[in-house]
């Protein structure tokens, strides 16, 4: 069974940076594209970014372009989400999900428990 565990969230100030990590079973990372989503209070979960199995292609929602960078290290079975210049509106629970992702398709199939990111002014 695919398992993913997110970490790296916390309480930060606007303008700070964070790097979220997603540790997964070897098969999860090596056999799947991996994606990051987030869910702010009172809002639906939304796609943020995804990366292909070999790390050669990444996809971002328009609002994430420029400040968010997704990367992966298959040797350590880990996927990362670097977030720079954090804003209060980035406050959300961030989730990692193995699945199938293309430029137009988002099909997460295995979710982690999420990691809370809170950005204060």
PDB file of N, CA and C in Angstrom:
ATOM      1  N   UNK A   1       0.837  -1.180   0.000  1.00  0.00           N
ATOM      2  CA  UNK A   1       0.000   0.000   0.000  1.00  0.00           C
ATOM      3  C   UNK A   1       0.883   1.244   0.000  1.00  0.00           C
ATOM      4  N   UNK A   2       0.491   2.195  -0.814  1.00  0.00           N
ATOM      5  CA  UNK A   2       1.252   3.436  -0.884  1.00  0.00           C
ATOM      6  C   UNK A   2       1.049   4.236   0.387  1.00  0.00           C
ATOM      7  N   UNK A   3       2.135   4.724   0.944  1.00  0.00           N
ATOM      8  CA  UNK A   3       2.056   5.569   2.132  1.00  0.00           C
ATOM      9  C   UNK A   3       2.928   6.791   1.943  1.00  0.00           C
ATOM     10  N   UNK A   4       2.384   7.933   2.324  1.00  0.00           N
ATOM     11  CA  UNK A   4       3.141   9.172   2.253  1.00  0.00           C
ATOM     12  C   UNK A   4       2.981   9.926   3.565  1.00  0.00           C
ATOM     13  N   UNK A   5       4.041  10.597   3.980  1.00  0.00           N
ATOM     14  CA  UNK A   5       4.038  11.365   5.223  1.00  0.00           C
ATOM     15  C   UNK A   5       4.672  12.714   4.957  1.00  0.00           C
ATOM     16  N   UNK A   6       3.900  13.772   5.224  1.00  0.00           N
ATOM     17  CA  UNK A   6       4.403  15.116   5.016  1.00  0.00           C
ATOM     18  C   UNK A   6       5.027  15.663   6.291  1.00  0.00           C
ATOM     19  N   UNK A   7       5.961  16.605   6.123  1.00  0.00           N
ATOM     20  CA  UNK A   7       6.567  17.300   7.250  1.00  0.00           C
ATOM     21  C   UNK A   7       7.124  18.630   6.768  1.00  0.00           C
ATOM     22  N   UNK A   8       7.529  19.454   7.730  1.00  0.00           N
ATOM     23  CA  UNK A   8       8.180  20.707   7.381  1.00  0.00           C
ATOM     24  C   UNK A   8       7.323  21.942   7.551  1.00  0.00           C
ATOM     25  N   UNK A   9       6.063  21.752   7.885  1.00  0.00           N
ATOM     26  CA  UNK A   9       5.201  22.914   8.090  1.00  0.00           C
ATOM     27  C   UNK A   9       5.519  23.602   9.400  1.00  0.00           C
ATOM     28  N   UNK A  10       4.839  24.719   9.631  1.00  0.00           N
ATOM     29  CA  UNK A  10       5.050  25.437  10.880  1.00  0.00           C
ATOM     30  C   UNK A  10       4.459  26.833  10.822  1.00  0.00           C
ATOM     31  N   UNK A  11       4.743  27.602  11.849  1.00  0.00           N
ATOM     32  CA  UNK A  11       4.300  28.996  11.936  1.00  0.00           C
ATOM     33  C   UNK A  11       5.458  29.884  11.498  1.00  0.00           C
ATOM     34  N   UNK A  12       5.235  30.645  10.462  1.00  0.00           N
ATOM     35  CA  UNK A  12       6.277  31.512   9.924  1.00  0.00           C
ATOM     36  C   UNK A  12       5.716  32.902   9.685  1.00  0.00           C
ATOM     37  N   UNK A  13       6.589  33.833   9.406  1.00  0.00           N
ATOM     38  CA  UNK A  13       6.179  35.200   9.114  1.00  0.00           C
ATOM     39  C   UNK A  13       6.133  35.433   7.602  1.00  0.00           C
ATOM     40  N   UNK A  14       5.321  36.362   7.220  1.00  0.00           N
ATOM     41  CA  UNK A  14       5.245  36.726   5.807  1.00  0.00           C
ATOM     42  C   UNK A  14       6.641  37.084   5.292  1.00  0.00           C
ATOM     43  N   UNK A  15       6.959  36.569   4.118  1.00  0.00           N
ATOM     44  CA  UNK A  15       8.273  36.799   3.535  1.00  0.00           C
ATOM     45  C   UNK A  15       9.271  35.684   3.781  1.00  0.00           C
ATOM     46  N   UNK A  16       8.979  34.823   4.741  1.00  0.00           N
ATOM     47  CA  UNK A  16       9.865  33.694   5.025  1.00  0.00           C
ATOM     48  C   UNK A  16       9.746  32.631   3.943  1.00  0.00           C
ATOM     49  N   UNK A  17      10.598  31.623   4.057  1.00  0.00           N
ATOM     50  CA  UNK A  17      10.557  30.478   3.145  1.00  0.00           C
ATOM     51  C   UNK A  17      10.414  29.199   3.951  1.00  0.00           C
ATOM     52  N   UNK A  18       9.842  28.206   3.323  1.00  0.00           N
ATOM     53  CA  UNK A  18       9.702  26.888   3.925  1.00  0.00           C
ATOM     54  C   UNK A  18       9.981  25.834   2.865  1.00  0.00           C
ATOM     55  N   UNK A  19      10.489  24.699   3.313  1.00  0.00           N
ATOM     56  CA  UNK A  19      10.597  23.551   2.428  1.00  0.00           C
ATOM     57  C   UNK A  19       9.835  22.394   3.057  1.00  0.00           C
ATOM     58  N   UNK A  20       8.778  22.012   2.405  1.00  0.00           N
ATOM     59  CA  UNK A  20       7.987  20.884   2.862  1.00  0.00           C
ATOM     60  C   UNK A  20       8.557  19.604   2.265  1.00  0.00           C
ATOM     61  N   UNK A  21       8.472  18.539   3.054  1.00  0.00           N
ATOM     62  CA  UNK A  21       8.967  17.246   2.601  1.00  0.00           C
ATOM     63  C   UNK A  21       7.844  16.223   2.599  1.00  0.00           C
ATOM     64  N   UNK A  22       7.943  15.290   1.688  1.00  0.00           N
ATOM     65  CA  UNK A  22       6.980  14.201   1.596  1.00  0.00           C
ATOM     66  C   UNK A  22       7.776  12.911   1.483  1.00  0.00           C
ATOM     67  N   UNK A  23       7.784  12.155   2.560  1.00  0.00           N
ATOM     68  CA  UNK A  23       8.475  10.875   2.561  1.00  0.00           C
ATOM     69  C   UNK A  23       7.485   9.782   2.199  1.00  0.00           C
ATOM     70  N   UNK A  24       7.897   8.930   1.291  1.00  0.00           N
ATOM     71  CA  UNK A  24       6.983   7.897   0.826  1.00  0.00           C
ATOM     72  C   UNK A  24       7.707   6.572   0.690  1.00  0.00           C
ATOM     73  N   UNK A  25       6.932   5.523   0.604  1.00  0.00           N
ATOM     74  CA  UNK A  25       7.535   4.223   0.361  1.00  0.00           C
ATOM     75  C   UNK A  25       8.212   4.260  -1.004  1.00  0.00           C
ATOM     76  N   UNK A  26       9.221   3.441  -1.145  1.00  0.00           N
ATOM     77  CA  UNK A  26      10.018   3.495  -2.368  1.00  0.00           C
ATOM     78  C   UNK A  26       9.159   3.335  -3.615  1.00  0.00           C
ATOM     79  N   UNK A  27       8.230   2.422  -3.547  1.00  0.00           N
ATOM     80  CA  UNK A  27       7.390   2.188  -4.721  1.00  0.00           C
ATOM     81  C   UNK A  27       6.524   3.404  -4.999  1.00  0.00           C
ATOM     82  N   UNK A  28       6.066   4.086  -3.938  1.00  0.00           N
ATOM     83  CA  UNK A  28       5.237   5.272  -4.130  1.00  0.00           C
ATOM     84  C   UNK A  28       5.960   6.305  -4.962  1.00  0.00           C
ATOM     85  N   UNK A  29       7.177   6.581  -4.574  1.00  0.00           N
ATOM     86  CA  UNK A  29       7.898   7.655  -5.237  1.00  0.00           C
ATOM     87  C   UNK A  29       8.383   7.216  -6.612  1.00  0.00           C
ATOM     88  N   UNK A  30       8.963   6.053  -6.689  1.00  0.00           N
ATOM     89  CA  UNK A  30       9.593   5.651  -7.940  1.00  0.00           C
ATOM     90  C   UNK A  30       8.600   5.278  -9.029  1.00  0.00           C
ATOM     91  N   UNK A  31       7.419   4.857  -8.662  1.00  0.00           N
ATOM     92  CA  UNK A  31       6.455   4.403  -9.650  1.00  0.00           C
ATOM     93  C   UNK A  31       5.368   5.426  -9.961  1.00  0.00           C
ATOM     94  N   UNK A  32       5.415   6.544  -9.272  1.00  0.00           N
ATOM     95  CA  UNK A  32       4.321   7.494  -9.426  1.00  0.00           C
ATOM     96  C   UNK A  32       4.809   8.908  -9.646  1.00  0.00           C
ATOM     97  N   UNK A  33       3.988   9.652 -10.341  1.00  0.00           N
ATOM     98  CA  UNK A  33       4.130  11.088 -10.248  1.00  0.00           C
ATOM     99  C   UNK A  33       3.659  11.489  -8.847  1.00  0.00           C
ATOM    100  N   UNK A  34       4.160  12.603  -8.375  1.00  0.00           N
ATOM    101  CA  UNK A  34       3.813  13.057  -7.031  1.00  0.00           C
ATOM    102  C   UNK A  34       3.305  14.488  -7.105  1.00  0.00           C
ATOM    103  N   UNK A  35       2.327  14.771  -6.271  1.00  0.00           N
ATOM    104  CA  UNK A  35       1.747  16.109  -6.300  1.00  0.00           C
ATOM    105  C   UNK A  35       1.597  16.706  -4.919  1.00  0.00           C
ATOM    106  N   UNK A  36       1.494  18.001  -4.885  1.00  0.00           N
ATOM    107  CA  UNK A  36       1.196  18.734  -3.654  1.00  0.00           C
ATOM    108  C   UNK A  36      -0.129  19.473  -3.836  1.00  0.00           C
ATOM    109  N   UNK A  37      -0.929  19.436  -2.778  1.00  0.00           N
ATOM    110  CA  UNK A  37      -2.196  20.141  -2.723  1.00  0.00           C
ATOM    111  C   UNK A  37      -2.228  20.935  -1.427  1.00  0.00           C
ATOM    112  N   UNK A  38      -3.185  21.840  -1.324  1.00  0.00           N
ATOM    113  CA  UNK A  38      -3.362  22.539  -0.060  1.00  0.00           C
ATOM    114  C   UNK A  38      -4.838  22.823   0.171  1.00  0.00           C
ATOM    115  N   UNK A  39      -5.181  22.953   1.441  1.00  0.00           N
ATOM    116  CA  UNK A  39      -6.558  23.256   1.809  1.00  0.00           C
ATOM    117  C   UNK A  39      -6.563  24.310   2.884  1.00  0.00           C
ATOM    118  N   UNK A  40      -7.039  25.476   2.533  1.00  0.00           N
ATOM    119  CA  UNK A  40      -7.166  26.573   3.485  1.00  0.00           C
ATOM    120  C   UNK A  40      -8.480  26.423   4.249  1.00  0.00           C
ATOM    121  N   UNK A  41      -8.568  27.028   5.417  1.00  0.00           N
ATOM    122  CA  UNK A  41      -9.801  26.922   6.216  1.00  0.00           C
ATOM    123  C   UNK A  41     -11.025  27.369   5.433  1.00  0.00           C
ATOM    124  N   UNK A  42     -12.036  26.524   5.408  1.00  0.00           N
ATOM    125  CA  UNK A  42     -13.282  26.871   4.753  1.00  0.00           C
ATOM    126  C   UNK A  42     -13.259  26.804   3.240  1.00  0.00           C
ATOM    127  N   UNK A  43     -12.166  26.299   2.684  1.00  0.00           N
ATOM    128  CA  UNK A  43     -12.055  26.226   1.226  1.00  0.00           C
ATOM    129  C   UNK A  43     -11.797  24.791   0.778  1.00  0.00           C
ATOM    130  N   UNK A  44     -12.106  24.477  -0.472  1.00  0.00           N
ATOM    131  CA  UNK A  44     -11.834  23.126  -0.952  1.00  0.00           C
ATOM    132  C   UNK A  44     -10.337  22.912  -1.157  1.00  0.00           C
ATOM    133  N   UNK A  45      -9.946  21.651  -1.182  1.00  0.00           N
ATOM    134  CA  UNK A  45      -8.558  21.324  -1.436  1.00  0.00           C
ATOM    135  C   UNK A  45      -8.214  21.699  -2.876  1.00  0.00           C
ATOM    136  N   UNK A  46      -7.045  22.291  -3.063  1.00  0.00           N
ATOM    137  CA  UNK A  46      -6.664  22.726  -4.401  1.00  0.00           C
ATOM    138  C   UNK A  46      -5.278  22.206  -4.769  1.00  0.00           C
ATOM    139  N   UNK A  47      -5.110  21.971  -6.041  1.00  0.00           N
ATOM    140  CA  UNK A  47      -3.834  21.519  -6.577  1.00  0.00           C
ATOM    141  C   UNK A  47      -2.814  22.657  -6.522  1.00  0.00           C
ATOM    142  N   UNK A  48      -1.572  22.302  -6.181  1.00  0.00           N
ATOM    143  CA  UNK A  48      -0.493  23.292  -6.151  1.00  0.00           C
ATOM    144  C   UNK A  48       0.564  22.973  -7.211  1.00  0.00           C
ATOM    145  N   UNK A  49       1.097  21.745  -7.179  1.00  0.00           N
ATOM    146  CA  UNK A  49       2.185  21.396  -8.092  1.00  0.00           C
ATOM    147  C   UNK A  49       2.301  19.883  -8.177  1.00  0.00           C
ATOM    148  N   UNK A  50       2.921  19.415  -9.244  1.00  0.00           N
ATOM    149  CA  UNK A  50       3.174  17.986  -9.409  1.00  0.00           C
ATOM    150  C   UNK A  50       4.469  17.797 -10.177  1.00  0.00           C
ATOM    151  N   UNK A  51       5.035  16.608 -10.046  1.00  0.00           N
ATOM    152  CA  UNK A  51       6.289  16.311 -10.727  1.00  0.00           C
ATOM    153  C   UNK A  51       6.239  14.876 -11.227  1.00  0.00           C
ATOM    154  N   UNK A  52       6.772  14.641 -12.416  1.00  0.00           N
ATOM    155  CA  UNK A  52       6.740  13.311 -13.007  1.00  0.00           C
ATOM    156  C   UNK A  52       7.714  12.359 -12.308  1.00  0.00           C
ATOM    157  N   UNK A  53       7.588  11.091 -12.638  1.00  0.00           N
ATOM    158  CA  UNK A  53       8.386  10.055 -11.982  1.00  0.00           C
ATOM    159  C   UNK A  53       9.879  10.330 -12.065  1.00  0.00           C
ATOM    160  N   UNK A  54      10.334  10.782 -13.207  1.00  0.00           N
ATOM    161  CA  UNK A  54      11.769  10.995 -13.374  1.00  0.00           C
ATOM    162  C   UNK A  54      12.204  12.407 -13.004  1.00  0.00           C
ATOM    163  N   UNK A  55      11.255  13.217 -12.572  1.00  0.00           N
ATOM    164  CA  UNK A  55      11.584  14.588 -12.190  1.00  0.00           C
ATOM    165  C   UNK A  55      11.817  15.515 -13.357  1.00  0.00           C
ATOM    166  N   UNK A  56      11.568  15.027 -14.561  1.00  0.00           N
ATOM    167  CA  UNK A  56      11.880  15.828 -15.730  1.00  0.00           C
ATOM    168  C   UNK A  56      10.867  16.902 -16.062  1.00  0.00           C
ATOM    169  N   UNK A  57       9.650  16.729 -15.577  1.00  0.00           N
ATOM    170  CA  UNK A  57       8.591  17.688 -15.869  1.00  0.00           C
ATOM    171  C   UNK A  57       7.832  18.008 -14.593  1.00  0.00           C
ATOM    172  N   UNK A  58       7.526  19.273 -14.423  1.00  0.00           N
ATOM    173  CA  UNK A  58       6.730  19.686 -13.274  1.00  0.00           C
ATOM    174  C   UNK A  58       5.576  20.568 -13.748  1.00  0.00           C
ATOM    175  N   UNK A  59       4.541  20.588 -12.965  1.00  0.00           N
ATOM    176  CA  UNK A  59       3.342  21.350 -13.283  1.00  0.00           C
ATOM    177  C   UNK A  59       2.970  22.196 -12.070  1.00  0.00           C
ATOM    178  N   UNK A  60       2.481  23.377 -12.333  1.00  0.00           N
ATOM    179  CA  UNK A  60       2.095  24.275 -11.261  1.00  0.00           C
ATOM    180  C   UNK A  60       0.755  24.922 -11.580  1.00  0.00           C
ATOM    181  N   UNK A  61      -0.020  25.157 -10.531  1.00  0.00           N
ATOM    182  CA  UNK A  61      -1.179  26.004 -10.725  1.00  0.00           C
ATOM    183  C   UNK A  61      -0.680  27.423 -10.936  1.00  0.00           C
ATOM    184  N   UNK A  62      -1.468  28.243 -11.595  1.00  0.00           N
ATOM    185  CA  UNK A  62      -1.000  29.590 -11.936  1.00  0.00           C
ATOM    186  C   UNK A  62      -0.566  30.382 -10.707  1.00  0.00           C
ATOM    187  N   UNK A  63      -1.288  30.225  -9.621  1.00  0.00           N
ATOM    188  CA  UNK A  63      -0.973  31.005  -8.432  1.00  0.00           C
ATOM    189  C   UNK A  63       0.335  30.564  -7.775  1.00  0.00           C
ATOM    190  N   UNK A  64       0.825  29.379  -8.109  1.00  0.00           N
ATOM    191  CA  UNK A  64       2.052  28.863  -7.504  1.00  0.00           C
ATOM    192  C   UNK A  64       3.297  29.171  -8.339  1.00  0.00           C
ATOM    193  N   UNK A  65       3.121  29.553  -9.555  1.00  0.00           N
ATOM    194  CA  UNK A  65       4.272  29.806 -10.420  1.00  0.00           C
ATOM    195  C   UNK A  65       5.070  30.994  -9.890  1.00  0.00           C
ATOM    196  N   UNK A  66       6.375  30.790  -9.796  1.00  0.00           N
ATOM    197  CA  UNK A  66       7.256  31.862  -9.362  1.00  0.00           C
ATOM    198  C   UNK A  66       7.720  31.750  -7.919  1.00  0.00           C
ATOM    199  N   UNK A  67       6.854  31.276  -7.018  1.00  0.00           N
ATOM    200  CA  UNK A  67       7.240  31.187  -5.605  1.00  0.00           C
ATOM    201  C   UNK A  67       7.355  29.752  -5.107  1.00  0.00           C
ATOM    202  N   UNK A  68       6.760  28.822  -5.824  1.00  0.00           N
ATOM    203  CA  UNK A  68       6.762  27.426  -5.408  1.00  0.00           C
ATOM    204  C   UNK A  68       7.647  26.621  -6.362  1.00  0.00           C
ATOM    205  N   UNK A  69       8.420  25.691  -5.781  1.00  0.00           N
ATOM    206  CA  UNK A  69       9.230  24.802  -6.586  1.00  0.00           C
ATOM    207  C   UNK A  69       9.093  23.381  -6.062  1.00  0.00           C
ATOM    208  N   UNK A  70       8.673  22.477  -6.932  1.00  0.00           N
ATOM    209  CA  UNK A  70       8.578  21.074  -6.550  1.00  0.00           C
ATOM    210  C   UNK A  70       9.812  20.349  -7.067  1.00  0.00           C
ATOM    211  N   UNK A  71      10.307  19.417  -6.275  1.00  0.00           N
ATOM    212  CA  UNK A  71      11.467  18.625  -6.674  1.00  0.00           C
ATOM    213  C   UNK A  71      11.352  17.247  -6.021  1.00  0.00           C
ATOM    214  N   UNK A  72      12.193  16.334  -6.454  1.00  0.00           N
ATOM    215  CA  UNK A  72      12.153  15.006  -5.868  1.00  0.00           C
ATOM    216  C   UNK A  72      13.548  14.408  -5.842  1.00  0.00           C
ATOM    217  N   UNK A  73      13.730  13.527  -4.882  1.00  0.00           N
ATOM    218  CA  UNK A  73      14.965  12.780  -4.748  1.00  0.00           C
ATOM    219  C   UNK A  73      14.567  11.314  -4.637  1.00  0.00           C
ATOM    220  N   UNK A  74      14.566  10.613  -5.734  1.00  0.00           N
ATOM    221  CA  UNK A  74      14.116   9.216  -5.718  1.00  0.00           C
ATOM    222  C   UNK A  74      15.031   8.325  -4.884  1.00  0.00           C
ATOM    223  N   UNK A  75      16.288   8.706  -4.744  1.00  0.00           N
ATOM    224  CA  UNK A  75      17.205   7.901  -3.925  1.00  0.00           C
ATOM    225  C   UNK A  75      16.762   7.856  -2.467  1.00  0.00           C
ATOM    226  N   UNK A  76      16.171   8.935  -1.994  1.00  0.00           N
ATOM    227  CA  UNK A  76      15.702   8.975  -0.604  1.00  0.00           C
ATOM    228  C   UNK A  76      14.187   8.876  -0.517  1.00  0.00           C
ATOM    229  N   UNK A  77      13.530   8.628  -1.640  1.00  0.00           N
ATOM    230  CA  UNK A  77      12.072   8.482  -1.671  1.00  0.00           C
ATOM    231  C   UNK A  77      11.368   9.709  -1.103  1.00  0.00           C
ATOM    232  N   UNK A  78      11.829  10.876  -1.490  1.00  0.00           N
ATOM    233  CA  UNK A  78      11.295  12.104  -0.926  1.00  0.00           C
ATOM    234  C   UNK A  78      10.968  13.105  -2.022  1.00  0.00           C
ATOM    235  N   UNK A  79       9.865  13.784  -1.820  1.00  0.00           N
ATOM    236  CA  UNK A  79       9.450  14.873  -2.695  1.00  0.00           C
ATOM    237  C   UNK A  79       9.401  16.152  -1.862  1.00  0.00           C
ATOM    238  N   UNK A  80       9.806  17.253  -2.452  1.00  0.00           N
ATOM    239  CA  UNK A  80       9.887  18.514  -1.723  1.00  0.00           C
ATOM    240  C   UNK A  80       9.009  19.581  -2.372  1.00  0.00           C
ATOM    241  N   UNK A  81       8.575  20.523  -1.553  1.00  0.00           N
ATOM    242  CA  UNK A  81       7.914  21.720  -2.058  1.00  0.00           C
ATOM    243  C   UNK A  81       8.561  22.922  -1.375  1.00  0.00           C
ATOM    244  N   UNK A  82       9.319  23.667  -2.128  1.00  0.00           N
ATOM    245  CA  UNK A  82       9.942  24.890  -1.627  1.00  0.00           C
ATOM    246  C   UNK A  82       8.979  26.043  -1.846  1.00  0.00           C
ATOM    247  N   UNK A  83       8.696  26.789  -0.795  1.00  0.00           N
ATOM    248  CA  UNK A  83       7.815  27.944  -0.899  1.00  0.00           C
ATOM    249  C   UNK A  83       8.576  29.174  -0.432  1.00  0.00           C
ATOM    250  N   UNK A  84       8.721  30.136  -1.302  1.00  0.00           N
ATOM    251  CA  UNK A  84       9.433  31.368  -0.983  1.00  0.00           C
ATOM    252  C   UNK A  84       8.453  32.526  -0.845  1.00  0.00           C
ATOM    253  N   UNK A  85       8.905  33.564  -0.171  1.00  0.00           N
ATOM    254  CA  UNK A  85       8.108  34.786  -0.010  1.00  0.00           C
ATOM    255  C   UNK A  85       6.685  34.451   0.435  1.00  0.00           C
ATOM    256  N   UNK A  86       6.584  33.719   1.516  1.00  0.00           N
ATOM    257  CA  UNK A  86       5.288  33.266   1.999  1.00  0.00           C
ATOM    258  C   UNK A  86       4.362  34.435   2.305  1.00  0.00           C
ATOM    259  N   UNK A  87       3.089  34.221   2.030  1.00  0.00           N
ATOM    260  CA  UNK A  87       2.053  35.230   2.252  1.00  0.00           C
ATOM    261  C   UNK A  87       1.001  34.642   3.198  1.00  0.00           C
ATOM    262  N   UNK A  88       0.282  35.484   3.899  1.00  0.00           N
ATOM    263  CA  UNK A  88      -0.771  34.967   4.778  1.00  0.00           C
ATOM    264  C   UNK A  88      -1.765  34.079   4.034  1.00  0.00           C
ATOM    265  N   UNK A  89      -2.018  34.352   2.781  1.00  0.00           N
ATOM    266  CA  UNK A  89      -2.966  33.540   2.018  1.00  0.00           C
ATOM    267  C   UNK A  89      -2.421  32.159   1.670  1.00  0.00           C
ATOM    268  N   UNK A  90      -1.155  31.910   1.965  1.00  0.00           N
ATOM    269  CA  UNK A  90      -0.601  30.568   1.799  1.00  0.00           C
ATOM    270  C   UNK A  90      -0.932  29.673   2.990  1.00  0.00           C
ATOM    271  N   UNK A  91      -1.520  30.253   4.025  1.00  0.00           N
ATOM    272  CA  UNK A  91      -1.900  29.468   5.196  1.00  0.00           C
ATOM    273  C   UNK A  91      -2.872  28.365   4.800  1.00  0.00           C
ATOM    274  N   UNK A  92      -2.502  27.129   5.103  1.00  0.00           N
ATOM    275  CA  UNK A  92      -3.296  25.977   4.699  1.00  0.00           C
ATOM    276  C   UNK A  92      -2.643  24.711   5.245  1.00  0.00           C
ATOM    277  N   UNK A  93      -3.375  23.623   5.154  1.00  0.00           N
ATOM    278  CA  UNK A  93      -2.775  22.311   5.347  1.00  0.00           C
ATOM    279  C   UNK A  93      -2.298  21.846   3.977  1.00  0.00           C
ATOM    280  N   UNK A  94      -1.051  21.449   3.909  1.00  0.00           N
ATOM    281  CA  UNK A  94      -0.460  21.018   2.651  1.00  0.00           C
ATOM    282  C   UNK A  94      -0.376  19.495   2.637  1.00  0.00           C
ATOM    283  N   UNK A  95      -0.858  18.930   1.547  1.00  0.00           N
ATOM    284  CA  UNK A  95      -0.911  17.487   1.395  1.00  0.00           C
ATOM    285  C   UNK A  95      -0.065  17.038   0.212  1.00  0.00           C
ATOM    286  N   UNK A  96       0.538  15.892   0.390  1.00  0.00           N
ATOM    287  CA  UNK A  96       1.274  15.243  -0.686  1.00  0.00           C
ATOM    288  C   UNK A  96       0.442  14.055  -1.152  1.00  0.00           C
ATOM    289  N   UNK A  97       0.489  13.771  -2.441  1.00  0.00           N
ATOM    290  CA  UNK A  97      -0.287  12.644  -2.947  1.00  0.00           C
ATOM    291  C   UNK A  97       0.413  12.007  -4.135  1.00  0.00           C
ATOM    292  N   UNK A  98       0.588  10.705  -4.053  1.00  0.00           N
ATOM    293  CA  UNK A  98       1.028   9.943  -5.215  1.00  0.00           C
ATOM    294  C   UNK A  98      -0.137   9.845  -6.189  1.00  0.00           C
ATOM    295  N   UNK A  99       0.143   9.732  -7.440  1.00  0.00           N
ATOM    296  CA  UNK A  99      -0.956   9.623  -8.395  1.00  0.00           C
ATOM    297  C   UNK A  99      -0.492   9.790  -9.819  1.00  0.00           C
ATOM    298  N   UNK A 100      -1.418  10.230 -10.648  1.00  0.00           N
ATOM    299  CA  UNK A 100      -1.139  10.469 -12.050  1.00  0.00           C
ATOM    300  C   UNK A 100      -1.418  11.934 -12.354  1.00  0.00           C
ATOM    301  N   UNK A 101      -0.428  12.580 -12.912  1.00  0.00           N
ATOM    302  CA  UNK A 101      -0.557  14.008 -13.165  1.00  0.00           C
ATOM    303  C   UNK A 101       0.007  14.318 -14.549  1.00  0.00           C
ATOM    304  N   UNK A 102      -0.727  15.150 -15.255  1.00  0.00           N
ATOM    305  CA  UNK A 102      -0.231  15.698 -16.505  1.00  0.00           C
ATOM    306  C   UNK A 102      -0.553  17.187 -16.501  1.00  0.00           C
ATOM    307  N   UNK A 103      -0.310  17.826 -17.591  1.00  0.00           N
ATOM    308  CA  UNK A 103      -0.597  19.257 -17.672  1.00  0.00           C
ATOM    309  C   UNK A 103      -2.079  19.547 -17.465  1.00  0.00           C
ATOM    310  N   UNK A 104      -2.944  18.576 -17.758  1.00  0.00           N
ATOM    311  CA  UNK A 104      -4.384  18.821 -17.645  1.00  0.00           C
ATOM    312  C   UNK A 104      -5.086  17.825 -16.729  1.00  0.00           C
ATOM    313  N   UNK A 105      -4.376  16.866 -16.211  1.00  0.00           N
ATOM    314  CA  UNK A 105      -5.002  15.820 -15.414  1.00  0.00           C
ATOM    315  C   UNK A 105      -4.414  15.793 -14.009  1.00  0.00           C
ATOM    316  N   UNK A 106      -5.307  15.678 -13.026  1.00  0.00           N
ATOM    317  CA  UNK A 106      -4.900  15.549 -11.618  1.00  0.00           C
ATOM    318  C   UNK A 106      -5.626  14.345 -11.057  1.00  0.00           C
ATOM    319  N   UNK A 107      -4.934  13.274 -10.815  1.00  0.00           N
ATOM    320  CA  UNK A 107      -5.553  12.052 -10.308  1.00  0.00           C
ATOM    321  C   UNK A 107      -4.770  11.528  -9.115  1.00  0.00           C
ATOM    322  N   UNK A 108      -4.916  12.190  -7.956  1.00  0.00           N
ATOM    323  CA  UNK A 108      -4.229  11.687  -6.766  1.00  0.00           C
ATOM    324  C   UNK A 108      -4.850  10.380  -6.310  1.00  0.00           C
ATOM    325  N   UNK A 109      -4.036   9.485  -5.817  1.00  0.00           N
ATOM    326  CA  UNK A 109      -4.566   8.184  -5.410  1.00  0.00           C
ATOM    327  C   UNK A 109      -4.181   7.782  -3.990  1.00  0.00           C
ATOM    328  N   UNK A 110      -3.212   8.444  -3.408  1.00  0.00           N
ATOM    329  CA  UNK A 110      -2.788   8.093  -2.061  1.00  0.00           C
ATOM    330  C   UNK A 110      -2.353   9.362  -1.342  1.00  0.00           C
ATOM    331  N   UNK A 111      -3.081   9.700  -0.305  1.00  0.00           N
ATOM    332  CA  UNK A 111      -2.862  10.952   0.407  1.00  0.00           C
ATOM    333  C   UNK A 111      -2.089  10.740   1.698  1.00  0.00           C
ATOM    334  N   UNK A 112      -1.330  11.774   2.065  1.00  0.00           N
ATOM    335  CA  UNK A 112      -0.754  11.815   3.399  1.00  0.00           C
ATOM    336  C   UNK A 112      -1.707  12.514   4.345  1.00  0.00           C
ATOM    337  N   UNK A 113      -1.257  12.708   5.581  1.00  0.00           N
ATOM    338  CA  UNK A 113      -2.096  13.349   6.597  1.00  0.00           C
ATOM    339  C   UNK A 113      -2.027  14.857   6.561  1.00  0.00           C
ATOM    340  N   UNK A 114      -1.051  15.388   5.858  1.00  0.00           N
ATOM    341  CA  UNK A 114      -0.941  16.826   5.734  1.00  0.00           C
ATOM    342  C   UNK A 114      -0.010  17.450   6.757  1.00  0.00           C
ATOM    343  N   UNK A 115       0.484  18.627   6.434  1.00  0.00           N
ATOM    344  CA  UNK A 115       1.313  19.412   7.345  1.00  0.00           C
ATOM    345  C   UNK A 115       0.816  20.851   7.313  1.00  0.00           C
ATOM    346  N   UNK A 116       0.631  21.431   8.498  1.00  0.00           N
ATOM    347  CA  UNK A 116       0.044  22.765   8.612  1.00  0.00           C
ATOM    348  C   UNK A 116       1.097  23.839   8.360  1.00  0.00           C
ATOM    349  N   UNK A 117       0.756  24.779   7.515  1.00  0.00           N
ATOM    350  CA  UNK A 117       1.574  25.968   7.297  1.00  0.00           C
ATOM    351  C   UNK A 117       0.735  27.174   7.679  1.00  0.00           C
ATOM    352  N   UNK A 118       1.244  27.967   8.604  1.00  0.00           N
ATOM    353  CA  UNK A 118       0.554  29.170   9.044  1.00  0.00           C
ATOM    354  C   UNK A 118       1.485  30.359   8.864  1.00  0.00           C
ATOM    355  N   UNK A 119       1.018  31.347   8.129  1.00  0.00           N
ATOM    356  CA  UNK A 119       1.831  32.512   7.820  1.00  0.00           C
ATOM    357  C   UNK A 119       1.218  33.736   8.483  1.00  0.00           C
ATOM    358  N   UNK A 120       1.980  34.378   9.343  1.00  0.00           N
ATOM    359  CA  UNK A 120       1.500  35.560  10.039  1.00  0.00           C
ATOM    360  C   UNK A 120       2.127  36.807   9.435  1.00  0.00           C
ATOM    361  N   UNK A 121       1.463  37.930   9.677  1.00  0.00           N
ATOM    362  CA  UNK A 121       1.982  39.205   9.154  1.00  0.00           C
ATOM    363  C   UNK A 121       3.163  39.676   9.973  1.00  0.00           C
TER     364      UNK A 121
END
